[in-house]
C-alpha cells in the first residue's frame, strides 16, 4: 500500500531544490513507507480531492491520506460572496 499527501504549492515542492526536499520525500524517510505526492500548484481543497478521486485507480491500496490546507483554499473562501455572512467584521 501507498500513502498520499495532497495539497497545493507547498506540497508540490515550490521552493525545494529537488524532490528530496518535498514533504512526500521527508515522510518517506520518516516512516519508511512510500508516499505519493499529489501536490498541485494553486489547487484548493475541493480540487485536491477531485484530483485524488480521478486518479485513485492508479494508486492501488491507499494506507493513509494527508491533506495539507493552505492559503489557496482560504483565499477562495474569502472571496466568495457569502463570506461576509460568517465573518466577525460586521458593523453594529
Protein backbone atom coordinates (compact mmCIF):
# COMPACT_ATOMS: atom_id res chain seq x y z
CA UNK A 1 0.00 0.00 0.00
CA UNK A 2 1.00 3.63 -0.55
CA UNK A 3 0.26 6.78 1.36
CA UNK A 4 -0.80 10.03 -0.29
CA UNK A 5 -0.17 13.65 0.59
CA UNK A 6 -2.48 16.23 -1.03
CA UNK A 7 -2.08 19.97 -1.15
CA UNK A 8 -1.09 22.91 -3.26
CA UNK A 9 2.27 24.57 -3.91
CA UNK A 10 3.97 23.70 -0.62
CA UNK A 11 3.20 20.00 -1.04
CA UNK A 12 4.14 20.15 -4.74
CA UNK A 13 7.58 21.34 -3.68
CA UNK A 14 7.76 25.00 -4.59
CA UNK A 15 10.99 26.32 -3.11
CA UNK A 16 12.64 22.90 -2.91
CA UNK A 17 15.88 22.41 -4.79
CA UNK A 18 14.99 18.79 -5.62
CA UNK A 19 12.43 16.06 -4.95
CA UNK A 20 14.36 15.20 -1.80
CA UNK A 21 13.09 18.43 -0.23
CA UNK A 22 9.38 17.74 -0.68
CA UNK A 23 7.04 16.77 2.14
CA UNK A 24 6.42 13.39 0.48
CA UNK A 25 10.15 12.63 0.45
CA UNK A 26 10.52 13.61 4.10
CA UNK A 27 7.52 11.47 5.07
CA UNK A 28 9.04 8.54 3.20
CA UNK A 29 12.28 8.91 5.13
CA UNK A 30 10.49 9.29 8.46
CA UNK A 31 8.05 6.40 8.05
CA UNK A 32 9.91 4.02 5.74
CA UNK A 33 6.80 3.81 3.57
CA UNK A 34 6.17 5.04 0.02
CA UNK A 35 4.37 8.38 -0.21
CA UNK A 36 2.79 9.72 -3.39
CA UNK A 37 2.98 13.48 -3.87
CA UNK A 38 -0.39 14.76 -5.07
CA UNK A 39 0.54 18.40 -4.66
CA UNK A 40 -0.69 20.63 -7.48
CA UNK A 41 0.13 24.32 -7.68
CA UNK A 42 -2.76 26.69 -6.84
CA UNK A 43 -5.27 23.90 -6.11
CA UNK A 44 -7.98 24.34 -3.48
CA UNK A 45 -9.15 21.60 -1.10
CA UNK A 46 -12.01 20.68 -3.44
CA UNK A 47 -9.71 20.46 -6.45
CA UNK A 48 -7.24 18.30 -4.49
CA UNK A 49 -9.96 15.83 -3.55
CA UNK A 50 -11.32 15.68 -7.11
CA UNK A 51 -7.78 15.13 -8.38
CA UNK A 52 -7.38 12.21 -5.95
CA UNK A 53 -10.72 10.68 -6.94
CA UNK A 54 -9.85 10.91 -10.64
CA UNK A 55 -6.51 9.16 -10.13
CA UNK A 56 -7.25 6.70 -7.32
CA UNK A 57 -7.40 3.78 -9.78
CA UNK A 58 -3.66 4.29 -10.43
CA UNK A 59 -2.72 4.04 -6.75
CA UNK A 60 -3.96 0.63 -5.68
CA UNK A 61 -4.39 0.22 -1.94
CA UNK A 62 -4.02 3.51 -0.02
CA UNK A 63 -2.87 3.29 3.59
CA UNK A 64 -3.01 6.95 4.65
CA UNK A 65 -4.03 10.32 3.23
CA UNK A 66 -2.75 13.66 4.48
CA UNK A 67 -4.43 16.84 3.24
CA UNK A 68 -2.36 20.00 3.71
CA UNK A 69 -4.59 23.06 3.60
CA UNK A 70 -3.00 26.37 2.73
CA UNK A 71 -3.57 29.89 1.55
CA UNK A 72 -5.17 28.99 -1.78
CA UNK A 73 -8.23 27.49 -0.10
CA UNK A 74 -8.51 30.39 2.33
CA UNK A 75 -8.24 32.93 -0.48
CA UNK A 76 -11.03 31.26 -2.44
CA UNK A 77 -13.23 31.09 0.66
CA UNK A 78 -12.54 34.72 1.49
CA UNK A 79 -13.56 35.91 -1.95
CA UNK A 80 -16.87 34.05 -2.02
CA UNK A 81 -19.87 36.43 -1.82
CA UNK A 82 -21.35 34.80 1.26
CA UNK A 83 -18.16 35.13 3.32
CA UNK A 84 -19.41 38.31 4.95
CA UNK A 85 -22.29 36.36 6.49
CA UNK A 86 -19.80 34.35 8.55
CA UNK A 87 -17.07 36.87 9.33
CA UNK A 88 -16.68 38.69 12.62
CA UNK A 89 -16.26 42.06 10.90
CA UNK A 90 -19.94 43.08 10.93
CA UNK A 91 -20.67 46.60 11.95
CA UNK A 92 -23.38 47.04 14.58
